[in-house]
Amino acid sequence: MEKNIEVSLLLDFYGELLKPGVRQTIDLYYNDDLSLSEVAAQCGITRQGVRDSIKRGEAQLFEFEQKLGLWKRFREVESGLSEIEAAAAKIAEQSTDQTTVTLAREIQNRAGELKE
């Protein structure tokens, strides 16, 4: 996965664990696509300070994921729900029993809701 996307996603999961200033610099740099100079001007610190803050924050985000694994687990659950949704749709399509079709559609709908 591209590093920019990965950092942005990890920020969504673990951003609240970072110091507010670090979180802000990473958010502005990765999510708002500002340059180091633009982030520095907005935050009132030097360009080097922004770079250091971002590097420190990135390291923390990757460490949180390594220790907690929430992003990995989220992807696994989302994938599993997609598989359940697809299997339920297949059961509903192939079944002739109306009760089975109804239950399969309920499972399919619930899996879809949980993915959102």
PDB file of N, CA and C in Angstrom:
ATOM      1  N   MET A   1       0.848  -1.176   0.000  1.00  0.00           N
ATOM      2  CA  MET A   1       0.000   0.000   0.000  1.00  0.00           C
ATOM      3  C   MET A   1       0.898   1.245   0.000  1.00  0.00           C
ATOM      4  N   GLU A   2       0.475   2.253  -0.723  1.00  0.00           N
ATOM      5  CA  GLU A   2       1.241   3.489  -0.783  1.00  0.00           C
ATOM      6  C   GLU A   2       1.339   4.100   0.614  1.00  0.00           C
ATOM      7  N   LYS A   3       2.525   4.586   0.945  1.00  0.00           N
ATOM      8  CA  LYS A   3       2.780   5.091   2.296  1.00  0.00           C
ATOM      9  C   LYS A   3       1.830   6.226   2.669  1.00  0.00           C
ATOM     10  N   ASN A   4       1.563   7.148   1.751  1.00  0.00           N
ATOM     11  CA  ASN A   4       0.686   8.283   2.067  1.00  0.00           C
ATOM     12  C   ASN A   4      -0.702   7.810   2.477  1.00  0.00           C
ATOM     13  N   ILE A   5      -1.228   6.846   1.756  1.00  0.00           N
ATOM     14  CA  ILE A   5      -2.558   6.318   2.070  1.00  0.00           C
ATOM     15  C   ILE A   5      -2.518   5.574   3.393  1.00  0.00           C
ATOM     16  N   GLU A   6      -1.470   4.789   3.582  1.00  0.00           N
ATOM     17  CA  GLU A   6      -1.348   4.017   4.825  1.00  0.00           C
ATOM     18  C   GLU A   6      -1.265   4.931   6.043  1.00  0.00           C
ATOM     19  N   VAL A   7      -0.454   5.982   5.960  1.00  0.00           N
ATOM     20  CA  VAL A   7      -0.324   6.912   7.085  1.00  0.00           C
ATOM     21  C   VAL A   7      -1.663   7.594   7.349  1.00  0.00           C
ATOM     22  N   SER A   8      -2.347   7.987   6.297  1.00  0.00           N
ATOM     23  CA  SER A   8      -3.642   8.645   6.451  1.00  0.00           C
ATOM     24  C   SER A   8      -4.656   7.722   7.134  1.00  0.00           C
ATOM     25  N   LEU A   9      -4.673   6.454   6.736  1.00  0.00           N
ATOM     26  CA  LEU A   9      -5.591   5.494   7.356  1.00  0.00           C
ATOM     27  C   LEU A   9      -5.212   5.216   8.808  1.00  0.00           C
ATOM     28  N   LEU A  10      -3.918   5.083   9.065  1.00  0.00           N
ATOM     29  CA  LEU A  10      -3.482   4.867  10.445  1.00  0.00           C
ATOM     30  C   LEU A  10      -3.828   6.079  11.312  1.00  0.00           C
ATOM     31  N   LEU A  11      -3.755   7.266  10.731  1.00  0.00           N
ATOM     32  CA  LEU A  11      -4.128   8.471  11.465  1.00  0.00           C
ATOM     33  C   LEU A  11      -5.610   8.416  11.848  1.00  0.00           C
ATOM     34  N   ASP A  12      -6.444   7.883  10.962  1.00  0.00           N
ATOM     35  CA  ASP A  12      -7.864   7.733  11.284  1.00  0.00           C
ATOM     36  C   ASP A  12      -8.067   6.805  12.487  1.00  0.00           C
ATOM     37  N   PHE A  13      -7.281   5.753  12.546  1.00  0.00           N
ATOM     38  CA  PHE A  13      -7.431   4.773  13.629  1.00  0.00           C
ATOM     39  C   PHE A  13      -6.780   5.211  14.933  1.00  0.00           C
ATOM     40  N   TYR A  14      -5.593   5.797  14.846  1.00  0.00           N
ATOM     41  CA  TYR A  14      -4.808   6.058  16.048  1.00  0.00           C
ATOM     42  C   TYR A  14      -4.516   7.528  16.308  1.00  0.00           C
ATOM     43  N   GLY A  15      -5.062   8.416  15.499  1.00  0.00           N
ATOM     44  CA  GLY A  15      -4.746   9.836  15.615  1.00  0.00           C
ATOM     45  C   GLY A  15      -4.981  10.429  16.988  1.00  0.00           C
ATOM     46  N   GLU A  16      -6.009   9.979  17.657  1.00  0.00           N
ATOM     47  CA  GLU A  16      -6.325  10.522  18.985  1.00  0.00           C
ATOM     48  C   GLU A  16      -5.272  10.148  20.028  1.00  0.00           C
ATOM     49  N   LEU A  17      -4.421   9.180  19.713  1.00  0.00           N
ATOM     50  CA  LEU A  17      -3.369   8.787  20.645  1.00  0.00           C
ATOM     51  C   LEU A  17      -2.128   9.663  20.514  1.00  0.00           C
ATOM     52  N   LEU A  18      -2.060  10.427  19.436  1.00  0.00           N
ATOM     53  CA  LEU A  18      -0.924  11.321  19.215  1.00  0.00           C
ATOM     54  C   LEU A  18      -1.129  12.644  19.942  1.00  0.00           C
ATOM     55  N   LYS A  19      -0.041  13.339  20.204  1.00  0.00           N
ATOM     56  CA  LYS A  19      -0.152  14.693  20.741  1.00  0.00           C
ATOM     57  C   LYS A  19      -0.857  15.547  19.695  1.00  0.00           C
ATOM     58  N   PRO A  20      -1.678  16.498  20.131  1.00  0.00           N
ATOM     59  CA  PRO A  20      -2.449  17.310  19.176  1.00  0.00           C
ATOM     60  C   PRO A  20      -1.613  17.982  18.090  1.00  0.00           C
ATOM     61  N   GLY A  21      -0.450  18.512  18.441  1.00  0.00           N
ATOM     62  CA  GLY A  21       0.393  19.170  17.448  1.00  0.00           C
ATOM     63  C   GLY A  21       0.920  18.212  16.390  1.00  0.00           C
ATOM     64  N   VAL A  22       1.296  17.019  16.831  1.00  0.00           N
ATOM     65  CA  VAL A  22       1.783  15.992  15.909  1.00  0.00           C
ATOM     66  C   VAL A  22       0.644  15.551  14.996  1.00  0.00           C
ATOM     67  N   ARG A  23      -0.512  15.318  15.586  1.00  0.00           N
ATOM     68  CA  ARG A  23      -1.686  14.917  14.810  1.00  0.00           C
ATOM     69  C   ARG A  23      -2.022  15.972  13.758  1.00  0.00           C
ATOM     70  N   GLN A  24      -1.955  17.240  14.150  1.00  0.00           N
ATOM     71  CA  GLN A  24      -2.282  18.324  13.227  1.00  0.00           C
ATOM     72  C   GLN A  24      -1.291  18.382  12.061  1.00  0.00           C
ATOM     73  N   THR A  25       0.003  18.261  12.346  1.00  0.00           N
ATOM     74  CA  THR A  25       0.982  18.335  11.252  1.00  0.00           C
ATOM     75  C   THR A  25       0.798  17.177  10.271  1.00  0.00           C
ATOM     76  N   ILE A  26       0.559  15.986  10.786  1.00  0.00           N
ATOM     77  CA  ILE A  26       0.351  14.829   9.908  1.00  0.00           C
ATOM     78  C   ILE A  26      -0.932  15.005   9.099  1.00  0.00           C
ATOM     79  N   ASP A  27      -1.973  15.478   9.743  1.00  0.00           N
ATOM     80  CA  ASP A  27      -3.245  15.688   9.057  1.00  0.00           C
ATOM     81  C   ASP A  27      -3.100  16.714   7.932  1.00  0.00           C
ATOM     82  N   LEU A  28      -2.464  17.817   8.225  1.00  0.00           N
ATOM     83  CA  LEU A  28      -2.286  18.857   7.204  1.00  0.00           C
ATOM     84  C   LEU A  28      -1.408  18.363   6.061  1.00  0.00           C
ATOM     85  N   TYR A  29      -0.374  17.633   6.388  1.00  0.00           N
ATOM     86  CA  TYR A  29       0.572  17.173   5.373  1.00  0.00           C
ATOM     87  C   TYR A  29      -0.025  16.066   4.494  1.00  0.00           C
ATOM     88  N   TYR A  30      -0.630  15.055   5.122  1.00  0.00           N
ATOM     89  CA  TYR A  30      -1.138  13.907   4.367  1.00  0.00           C
ATOM     90  C   TYR A  30      -2.573  14.092   3.865  1.00  0.00           C
ATOM     91  N   ASN A  31      -3.440  14.609   4.697  1.00  0.00           N
ATOM     92  CA  ASN A  31      -4.850  14.703   4.299  1.00  0.00           C
ATOM     93  C   ASN A  31      -5.177  15.975   3.524  1.00  0.00           C
ATOM     94  N   ASP A  32      -4.549  17.086   3.902  1.00  0.00           N
ATOM     95  CA  ASP A  32      -4.813  18.348   3.202  1.00  0.00           C
ATOM     96  C   ASP A  32      -3.785  18.612   2.099  1.00  0.00           C
ATOM     97  N   ASP A  33      -2.792  17.731   1.994  1.00  0.00           N
ATOM     98  CA  ASP A  33      -1.774  17.798   0.936  1.00  0.00           C
ATOM     99  C   ASP A  33      -1.025  19.129   0.908  1.00  0.00           C
ATOM    100  N   LEU A  34      -0.711  19.635   2.109  1.00  0.00           N
ATOM    101  CA  LEU A  34       0.074  20.866   2.201  1.00  0.00           C
ATOM    102  C   LEU A  34       1.562  20.526   2.198  1.00  0.00           C
ATOM    103  N   SER A  35       2.372  21.436   1.729  1.00  0.00           N
ATOM    104  CA  SER A  35       3.824  21.247   1.756  1.00  0.00           C
ATOM    105  C   SER A  35       4.326  21.456   3.188  1.00  0.00           C
ATOM    106  N   LEU A  36       5.567  21.072   3.432  1.00  0.00           N
ATOM    107  CA  LEU A  36       6.153  21.289   4.752  1.00  0.00           C
ATOM    108  C   LEU A  36       6.149  22.775   5.099  1.00  0.00           C
ATOM    109  N   SER A  37       6.459  23.616   4.127  1.00  0.00           N
ATOM    110  CA  SER A  37       6.470  25.064   4.366  1.00  0.00           C
ATOM    111  C   SER A  37       5.078  25.592   4.691  1.00  0.00           C
ATOM    112  N   GLU A  38       4.063  25.086   3.992  1.00  0.00           N
ATOM    113  CA  GLU A  38       2.691  25.522   4.255  1.00  0.00           C
ATOM    114  C   GLU A  38       2.218  25.076   5.637  1.00  0.00           C
ATOM    115  N   VAL A  39       2.575  23.849   6.012  1.00  0.00           N
ATOM    116  CA  VAL A  39       2.223  23.360   7.349  1.00  0.00           C
ATOM    117  C   VAL A  39       2.937  24.196   8.406  1.00  0.00           C
ATOM    118  N   ALA A  40       4.219  24.488   8.169  1.00  0.00           N
ATOM    119  CA  ALA A  40       4.995  25.296   9.115  1.00  0.00           C
ATOM    120  C   ALA A  40       4.354  26.660   9.310  1.00  0.00           C
ATOM    121  N   ALA A  41       3.937  27.291   8.228  1.00  0.00           N
ATOM    122  CA  ALA A  41       3.303  28.605   8.324  1.00  0.00           C
ATOM    123  C   ALA A  41       1.993  28.534   9.093  1.00  0.00           C
ATOM    124  N   GLN A  42       1.222  27.491   8.860  1.00  0.00           N
ATOM    125  CA  GLN A  42      -0.077  27.354   9.531  1.00  0.00           C
ATOM    126  C   GLN A  42       0.085  27.020  11.011  1.00  0.00           C
ATOM    127  N   CYS A  43       1.106  26.250  11.349  1.00  0.00           N
ATOM    128  CA  CYS A  43       1.293  25.820  12.740  1.00  0.00           C
ATOM    129  C   CYS A  43       2.211  26.742  13.538  1.00  0.00           C
ATOM    130  N   GLY A  44       2.877  27.649  12.863  1.00  0.00           N
ATOM    131  CA  GLY A  44       3.765  28.573  13.559  1.00  0.00           C
ATOM    132  C   GLY A  44       5.056  27.950  14.042  1.00  0.00           C
ATOM    133  N   ILE A  45       5.544  26.956  13.312  1.00  0.00           N
ATOM    134  CA  ILE A  45       6.822  26.335  13.656  1.00  0.00           C
ATOM    135  C   ILE A  45       7.689  26.306  12.395  1.00  0.00           C
ATOM    136  N   THR A  46       8.931  25.873  12.543  1.00  0.00           N
ATOM    137  CA  THR A  46       9.830  25.836  11.392  1.00  0.00           C
ATOM    138  C   THR A  46       9.510  24.644  10.493  1.00  0.00           C
ATOM    139  N   ARG A  47      10.000  24.722   9.280  1.00  0.00           N
ATOM    140  CA  ARG A  47       9.822  23.630   8.325  1.00  0.00           C
ATOM    141  C   ARG A  47      10.476  22.355   8.868  1.00  0.00           C
ATOM    142  N   GLN A  48      11.655  22.505   9.482  1.00  0.00           N
ATOM    143  CA  GLN A  48      12.349  21.359  10.071  1.00  0.00           C
ATOM    144  C   GLN A  48      11.546  20.789  11.241  1.00  0.00           C
ATOM    145  N   GLY A  49      10.919  21.674  12.010  1.00  0.00           N
ATOM    146  CA  GLY A  49      10.072  21.224  13.107  1.00  0.00           C
ATOM    147  C   GLY A  49       8.894  20.400  12.607  1.00  0.00           C
ATOM    148  N   VAL A  50       8.315  20.830  11.493  1.00  0.00           N
ATOM    149  CA  VAL A  50       7.212  20.074  10.892  1.00  0.00           C
ATOM    150  C   VAL A  50       7.699  18.705  10.456  1.00  0.00           C
ATOM    151  N   ARG A  51       8.839  18.675   9.772  1.00  0.00           N
ATOM    152  CA  ARG A  51       9.384  17.404   9.295  1.00  0.00           C
ATOM    153  C   ARG A  51       9.653  16.451  10.458  1.00  0.00           C
ATOM    154  N   ASP A  52      10.268  16.959  11.506  1.00  0.00           N
ATOM    155  CA  ASP A  52      10.550  16.130  12.684  1.00  0.00           C
ATOM    156  C   ASP A  52       9.258  15.617  13.317  1.00  0.00           C
ATOM    157  N   SER A  53       8.274  16.489  13.422  1.00  0.00           N
ATOM    158  CA  SER A  53       6.985  16.116  14.009  1.00  0.00           C
ATOM    159  C   SER A  53       6.313  15.017  13.191  1.00  0.00           C
ATOM    160  N   ILE A  54       6.338  15.171  11.873  1.00  0.00           N
ATOM    161  CA  ILE A  54       5.724  14.172  10.993  1.00  0.00           C
ATOM    162  C   ILE A  54       6.439  12.834  11.109  1.00  0.00           C
ATOM    163  N   LYS A  55       7.760  12.858  11.077  1.00  0.00           N
ATOM    164  CA  LYS A  55       8.527  11.606  11.181  1.00  0.00           C
ATOM    165  C   LYS A  55       8.274  10.908  12.517  1.00  0.00           C
ATOM    166  N   ARG A  56       8.255  11.686  13.580  1.00  0.00           N
ATOM    167  CA  ARG A  56       8.001  11.126  14.913  1.00  0.00           C
ATOM    168  C   ARG A  56       6.583  10.540  14.970  1.00  0.00           C
ATOM    169  N   GLY A  57       5.619  11.271  14.430  1.00  0.00           N
ATOM    170  CA  GLY A  57       4.233  10.802  14.420  1.00  0.00           C
ATOM    171  C   GLY A  57       4.047   9.557  13.571  1.00  0.00           C
ATOM    172  N   GLU A  58       4.684   9.526  12.394  1.00  0.00           N
ATOM    173  CA  GLU A  58       4.606   8.337  11.543  1.00  0.00           C
ATOM    174  C   GLU A  58       5.121   7.113  12.294  1.00  0.00           C
ATOM    175  N   ALA A  59       6.252   7.263  12.941  1.00  0.00           N
ATOM    176  CA  ALA A  59       6.838   6.149  13.696  1.00  0.00           C
ATOM    177  C   ALA A  59       5.874   5.667  14.774  1.00  0.00           C
ATOM    178  N   GLN A  60       5.226   6.604  15.453  1.00  0.00           N
ATOM    179  CA  GLN A  60       4.267   6.226  16.492  1.00  0.00           C
ATOM    180  C   GLN A  60       3.064   5.498  15.890  1.00  0.00           C
ATOM    181  N   LEU A  61       2.558   5.989  14.766  1.00  0.00           N
ATOM    182  CA  LEU A  61       1.403   5.348  14.128  1.00  0.00           C
ATOM    183  C   LEU A  61       1.719   3.913  13.728  1.00  0.00           C
ATOM    184  N   PHE A  62       2.883   3.702  13.124  1.00  0.00           N
ATOM    185  CA  PHE A  62       3.271   2.350  12.722  1.00  0.00           C
ATOM    186  C   PHE A  62       3.506   1.455  13.944  1.00  0.00           C
ATOM    187  N   GLU A  63       4.023   2.032  15.024  1.00  0.00           N
ATOM    188  CA  GLU A  63       4.212   1.262  16.250  1.00  0.00           C
ATOM    189  C   GLU A  63       2.868   0.875  16.870  1.00  0.00           C
ATOM    190  N   PHE A  64       1.913   1.805  16.879  1.00  0.00           N
ATOM    191  CA  PHE A  64       0.575   1.491  17.391  1.00  0.00           C
ATOM    192  C   PHE A  64      -0.035   0.334  16.602  1.00  0.00           C
ATOM    193  N   GLU A  65       0.092   0.387  15.284  1.00  0.00           N
ATOM    194  CA  GLU A  65      -0.477  -0.682  14.453  1.00  0.00           C
ATOM    195  C   GLU A  65       0.228  -2.004  14.709  1.00  0.00           C
ATOM    196  N   GLN A  66       1.539  -1.958  14.856  1.00  0.00           N
ATOM    197  CA  GLN A  66       2.289  -3.180  15.124  1.00  0.00           C
ATOM    198  C   GLN A  66       1.839  -3.806  16.448  1.00  0.00           C
ATOM    199  N   LYS A  67       1.618  -2.984  17.458  1.00  0.00           N
ATOM    200  CA  LYS A  67       1.248  -3.497  18.777  1.00  0.00           C
ATOM    201  C   LYS A  67      -0.236  -3.839  18.895  1.00  0.00           C
ATOM    202  N   LEU A  68      -1.101  -2.996  18.316  1.00  0.00           N
ATOM    203  CA  LEU A  68      -2.542  -3.168  18.500  1.00  0.00           C
ATOM    204  C   LEU A  68      -3.230  -3.873  17.332  1.00  0.00           C
ATOM    205  N   GLY A  69      -2.769  -3.632  16.125  1.00  0.00           N
ATOM    206  CA  GLY A  69      -3.304  -4.313  14.953  1.00  0.00           C
ATOM    207  C   GLY A  69      -4.743  -3.982  14.600  1.00  0.00           C
ATOM    208  N   LEU A  70      -5.223  -2.803  14.971  1.00  0.00           N
ATOM    209  CA  LEU A  70      -6.624  -2.462  14.707  1.00  0.00           C
ATOM    210  C   LEU A  70      -6.933  -2.324  13.219  1.00  0.00           C
ATOM    211  N   TRP A  71      -6.027  -1.713  12.459  1.00  0.00           N
ATOM    212  CA  TRP A  71      -6.261  -1.547  11.021  1.00  0.00           C
ATOM    213  C   TRP A  71      -6.282  -2.910  10.328  1.00  0.00           C
ATOM    214  N   LYS A  72      -5.349  -3.791  10.694  1.00  0.00           N
ATOM    215  CA  LYS A  72      -5.327  -5.131  10.116  1.00  0.00           C
ATOM    216  C   LYS A  72      -6.611  -5.874  10.456  1.00  0.00           C
ATOM    217  N   ARG A  73      -7.040  -5.784  11.679  1.00  0.00           N
ATOM    218  CA  ARG A  73      -8.263  -6.470  12.111  1.00  0.00           C
ATOM    219  C   ARG A  73      -9.490  -5.892  11.406  1.00  0.00           C
ATOM    220  N   PHE A  74      -9.524  -4.593  11.231  1.00  0.00           N
ATOM    221  CA  PHE A  74     -10.630  -3.948  10.517  1.00  0.00           C
ATOM    222  C   PHE A  74     -10.729  -4.488   9.090  1.00  0.00           C
ATOM    223  N   ARG A  75      -9.581  -4.583   8.415  1.00  0.00           N
ATOM    224  CA  ARG A  75      -9.577  -5.096   7.035  1.00  0.00           C
ATOM    225  C   ARG A  75     -10.060  -6.545   7.000  1.00  0.00           C
ATOM    226  N   GLU A  76      -9.656  -7.347   7.969  1.00  0.00           N
ATOM    227  CA  GLU A  76     -10.083  -8.751   8.025  1.00  0.00           C
ATOM    228  C   GLU A  76     -11.590  -8.862   8.238  1.00  0.00           C
ATOM    229  N   VAL A  77     -12.123  -8.067   9.145  1.00  0.00           N
ATOM    230  CA  VAL A  77     -13.566  -8.093   9.416  1.00  0.00           C
ATOM    231  C   VAL A  77     -14.341  -7.632   8.183  1.00  0.00           C
ATOM    232  N   GLU A  78     -13.870  -6.571   7.554  1.00  0.00           N
ATOM    233  CA  GLU A  78     -14.533  -6.055   6.361  1.00  0.00           C
ATOM    234  C   GLU A  78     -14.529  -7.101   5.241  1.00  0.00           C
ATOM    235  N   SER A  79     -13.425  -7.780   5.071  1.00  0.00           N
ATOM    236  CA  SER A  79     -13.323  -8.830   4.062  1.00  0.00           C
ATOM    237  C   SER A  79     -14.267  -9.987   4.391  1.00  0.00           C
ATOM    238  N   GLY A  80     -14.299 -10.376   5.661  1.00  0.00           N
ATOM    239  CA  GLY A  80     -15.197 -11.449   6.089  1.00  0.00           C
ATOM    240  C   GLY A  80     -16.650 -11.093   5.874  1.00  0.00           C
ATOM    241  N   LEU A  81     -17.014  -9.855   6.149  1.00  0.00           N
ATOM    242  CA  LEU A  81     -18.396  -9.422   5.926  1.00  0.00           C
ATOM    243  C   LEU A  81     -18.751  -9.451   4.442  1.00  0.00           C
ATOM    244  N   SER A  82     -17.811  -9.106   3.597  1.00  0.00           N
ATOM    245  CA  SER A  82     -18.047  -9.177   2.150  1.00  0.00           C
ATOM    246  C   SER A  82     -18.283 -10.619   1.719  1.00  0.00           C
ATOM    247  N   GLU A  83     -17.502 -11.530   2.265  1.00  0.00           N
ATOM    248  CA  GLU A  83     -17.674 -12.951   1.949  1.00  0.00           C
ATOM    249  C   GLU A  83     -19.032 -13.468   2.439  1.00  0.00           C
ATOM    250  N   ILE A  84     -19.429 -13.073   3.641  1.00  0.00           N
ATOM    251  CA  ILE A  84     -20.726 -13.475   4.181  1.00  0.00           C
ATOM    252  C   ILE A  84     -21.851 -12.915   3.312  1.00  0.00           C
ATOM    253  N   GLU A  85     -21.735 -11.661   2.933  1.00  0.00           N
ATOM    254  CA  GLU A  85     -22.737 -11.013   2.092  1.00  0.00           C
ATOM    255  C   GLU A  85     -22.874 -11.745   0.749  1.00  0.00           C
ATOM    256  N   ALA A  86     -21.744 -12.082   0.144  1.00  0.00           N
ATOM    257  CA  ALA A  86     -21.769 -12.788  -1.142  1.00  0.00           C
ATOM    258  C   ALA A  86     -22.357 -14.191  -1.010  1.00  0.00           C
ATOM    259  N   ALA A  87     -21.996 -14.903   0.049  1.00  0.00           N
ATOM    260  CA  ALA A  87     -22.526 -16.254   0.267  1.00  0.00           C
ATOM    261  C   ALA A  87     -24.036 -16.210   0.515  1.00  0.00           C
ATOM    262  N   ALA A  88     -24.488 -15.237   1.279  1.00  0.00           N
ATOM    263  CA  ALA A  88     -25.924 -15.112   1.545  1.00  0.00           C
ATOM    264  C   ALA A  88     -26.684 -14.796   0.254  1.00  0.00           C
ATOM    265  N   ALA A  89     -26.105 -13.965  -0.587  1.00  0.00           N
ATOM    266  CA  ALA A  89     -26.742 -13.641  -1.871  1.00  0.00           C
ATOM    267  C   ALA A  89     -26.842 -14.889  -2.735  1.00  0.00           C
ATOM    268  N   LYS A  90     -25.797 -15.690  -2.728  1.00  0.00           N
ATOM    269  CA  LYS A  90     -25.788 -16.926  -3.518  1.00  0.00           C
ATOM    270  C   LYS A  90     -26.847 -17.906  -3.001  1.00  0.00           C
ATOM    271  N   ILE A  91     -26.939 -18.013  -1.690  1.00  0.00           N
ATOM    272  CA  ILE A  91     -27.954 -18.897  -1.091  1.00  0.00           C
ATOM    273  C   ILE A  91     -29.352 -18.414  -1.477  1.00  0.00           C
ATOM    274  N   ALA A  92     -29.589 -17.117  -1.387  1.00  0.00           N
ATOM    275  CA  ALA A  92     -30.906 -16.564  -1.718  1.00  0.00           C
ATOM    276  C   ALA A  92     -31.257 -16.805  -3.183  1.00  0.00           C
ATOM    277  N   GLU A  93     -30.268 -16.701  -4.054  1.00  0.00           N
ATOM    278  CA  GLU A  93     -30.507 -16.905  -5.488  1.00  0.00           C
ATOM    279  C   GLU A  93     -30.796 -18.361  -5.830  1.00  0.00           C
ATOM    280  N   GLN A  94     -30.149 -19.278  -5.124  1.00  0.00           N
ATOM    281  CA  GLN A  94     -30.247 -20.690  -5.484  1.00  0.00           C
ATOM    282  C   GLN A  94     -31.318 -21.443  -4.717  1.00  0.00           C
ATOM    283  N   SER A  95     -31.860 -20.851  -3.675  1.00  0.00           N
ATOM    284  CA  SER A  95     -32.835 -21.554  -2.852  1.00  0.00           C
ATOM    285  C   SER A  95     -34.244 -21.429  -3.422  1.00  0.00           C
ATOM    286  N   THR A  96     -35.011 -22.485  -3.238  1.00  0.00           N
ATOM    287  CA  THR A  96     -36.425 -22.451  -3.641  1.00  0.00           C
ATOM    288  C   THR A  96     -37.332 -22.290  -2.428  1.00  0.00           C
ATOM    289  N   ASP A  97     -36.771 -22.478  -1.248  1.00  0.00           N
ATOM    290  CA  ASP A  97     -37.529 -22.339  -0.006  1.00  0.00           C
ATOM    291  C   ASP A  97     -37.599 -20.867   0.389  1.00  0.00           C
ATOM    292  N   GLN A  98     -38.802 -20.323   0.527  1.00  0.00           N
ATOM    293  CA  GLN A  98     -38.978 -18.898   0.799  1.00  0.00           C
ATOM    294  C   GLN A  98     -38.393 -18.485   2.160  1.00  0.00           C
ATOM    295  N   THR A  99     -38.484 -19.345   3.153  1.00  0.00           N
ATOM    296  CA  THR A  99     -37.923 -19.027   4.466  1.00  0.00           C
ATOM    297  C   THR A  99     -36.405 -18.889   4.367  1.00  0.00           C
ATOM    298  N   THR A 100     -35.772 -19.787   3.633  1.00  0.00           N
ATOM    299  CA  THR A 100     -34.322 -19.727   3.444  1.00  0.00           C
ATOM    300  C   THR A 100     -33.931 -18.462   2.691  1.00  0.00           C
ATOM    301  N   VAL A 101     -34.696 -18.127   1.662  1.00  0.00           N
ATOM    302  CA  VAL A 101     -34.422 -16.917   0.887  1.00  0.00           C
ATOM    303  C   VAL A 101     -34.536 -15.687   1.779  1.00  0.00           C
ATOM    304  N   THR A 102     -35.572 -15.622   2.587  1.00  0.00           N
ATOM    305  CA  THR A 102     -35.785 -14.481   3.480  1.00  0.00           C
ATOM    306  C   THR A 102     -34.639 -14.351   4.474  1.00  0.00           C
ATOM    307  N   LEU A 103     -34.258 -15.458   5.094  1.00  0.00           N
ATOM    308  CA  LEU A 103     -33.156 -15.428   6.058  1.00  0.00           C
ATOM    309  C   LEU A 103     -31.835 -15.053   5.388  1.00  0.00           C
ATOM    310  N   ALA A 104     -31.600 -15.582   4.201  1.00  0.00           N
ATOM    311  CA  ALA A 104     -30.364 -15.251   3.478  1.00  0.00           C
ATOM    312  C   ALA A 104     -30.325 -13.767   3.139  1.00  0.00           C
ATOM    313  N   ARG A 105     -31.436 -13.193   2.734  1.00  0.00           N
ATOM    314  CA  ARG A 105     -31.495 -11.760   2.431  1.00  0.00           C
ATOM    315  C   ARG A 105     -31.263 -10.919   3.691  1.00  0.00           C
ATOM    316  N   GLU A 106     -31.784 -11.379   4.828  1.00  0.00           N
ATOM    317  CA  GLU A 106     -31.556 -10.675   6.093  1.00  0.00           C
ATOM    318  C   GLU A 106     -30.061 -10.700   6.452  1.00  0.00           C
ATOM    319  N   ILE A 107     -29.438 -11.846   6.274  1.00  0.00           N
ATOM    320  CA  ILE A 107     -28.001 -11.963   6.544  1.00  0.00           C
ATOM    321  C   ILE A 107     -27.220 -11.059   5.602  1.00  0.00           C
ATOM    322  N   GLN A 108     -27.588 -11.087   4.346  1.00  0.00           N
ATOM    323  CA  GLN A 108     -26.924 -10.260   3.345  1.00  0.00           C
ATOM    324  C   GLN A 108     -27.058  -8.778   3.698  1.00  0.00           C
ATOM    325  N   ASN A 109     -28.248  -8.340   4.051  1.00  0.00           N
ATOM    326  CA  ASN A 109     -28.476  -6.938   4.404  1.00  0.00           C
ATOM    327  C   ASN A 109     -27.711  -6.538   5.656  1.00  0.00           C
ATOM    328  N   ARG A 110     -27.716  -7.390   6.659  1.00  0.00           N
ATOM    329  CA  ARG A 110     -27.031  -7.079   7.909  1.00  0.00           C
ATOM    330  C   ARG A 110     -25.515  -6.989   7.690  1.00  0.00           C
ATOM    331  N   ALA A 111     -24.965  -7.883   6.895  1.00  0.00           N
ATOM    332  CA  ALA A 111     -23.532  -7.838   6.595  1.00  0.00           C
ATOM    333  C   ALA A 111     -23.200  -6.527   5.867  1.00  0.00           C
ATOM    334  N   GLY A 112     -24.073  -6.136   4.944  1.00  0.00           N
ATOM    335  CA  GLY A 112     -23.868  -4.879   4.236  1.00  0.00           C
ATOM    336  C   GLY A 112     -23.927  -3.676   5.161  1.00  0.00           C
ATOM    337  N   GLU A 113     -24.849  -3.697   6.107  1.00  0.00           N
ATOM    338  CA  GLU A 113     -24.955  -2.595   7.081  1.00  0.00           C
ATOM    339  C   GLU A 113     -23.708  -2.505   7.944  1.00  0.00           C
ATOM    340  N   LEU A 114     -23.186  -3.638   8.356  1.00  0.00           N
ATOM    341  CA  LEU A 114     -22.001  -3.656   9.219  1.00  0.00           C
ATOM    342  C   LEU A 114     -20.760  -3.165   8.492  1.00  0.00           C
ATOM    343  N   LYS A 115     -20.717  -3.322   7.186  1.00  0.00           N
ATOM    344  CA  LYS A 115     -19.581  -2.846   6.400  1.00  0.00           C
ATOM    345  C   LYS A 115     -19.583  -1.322   6.283  1.00  0.00           C
ATOM    346  N   GLU A 116     -20.743  -0.718   6.390  1.00  0.00           N
ATOM    347  CA  GLU A 116     -20.828   0.752   6.223  1.00  0.00           C
ATOM    348  C   GLU A 116     -20.364   1.485   7.401  1.00  0.00           C
TER     349      GLU A 116
END
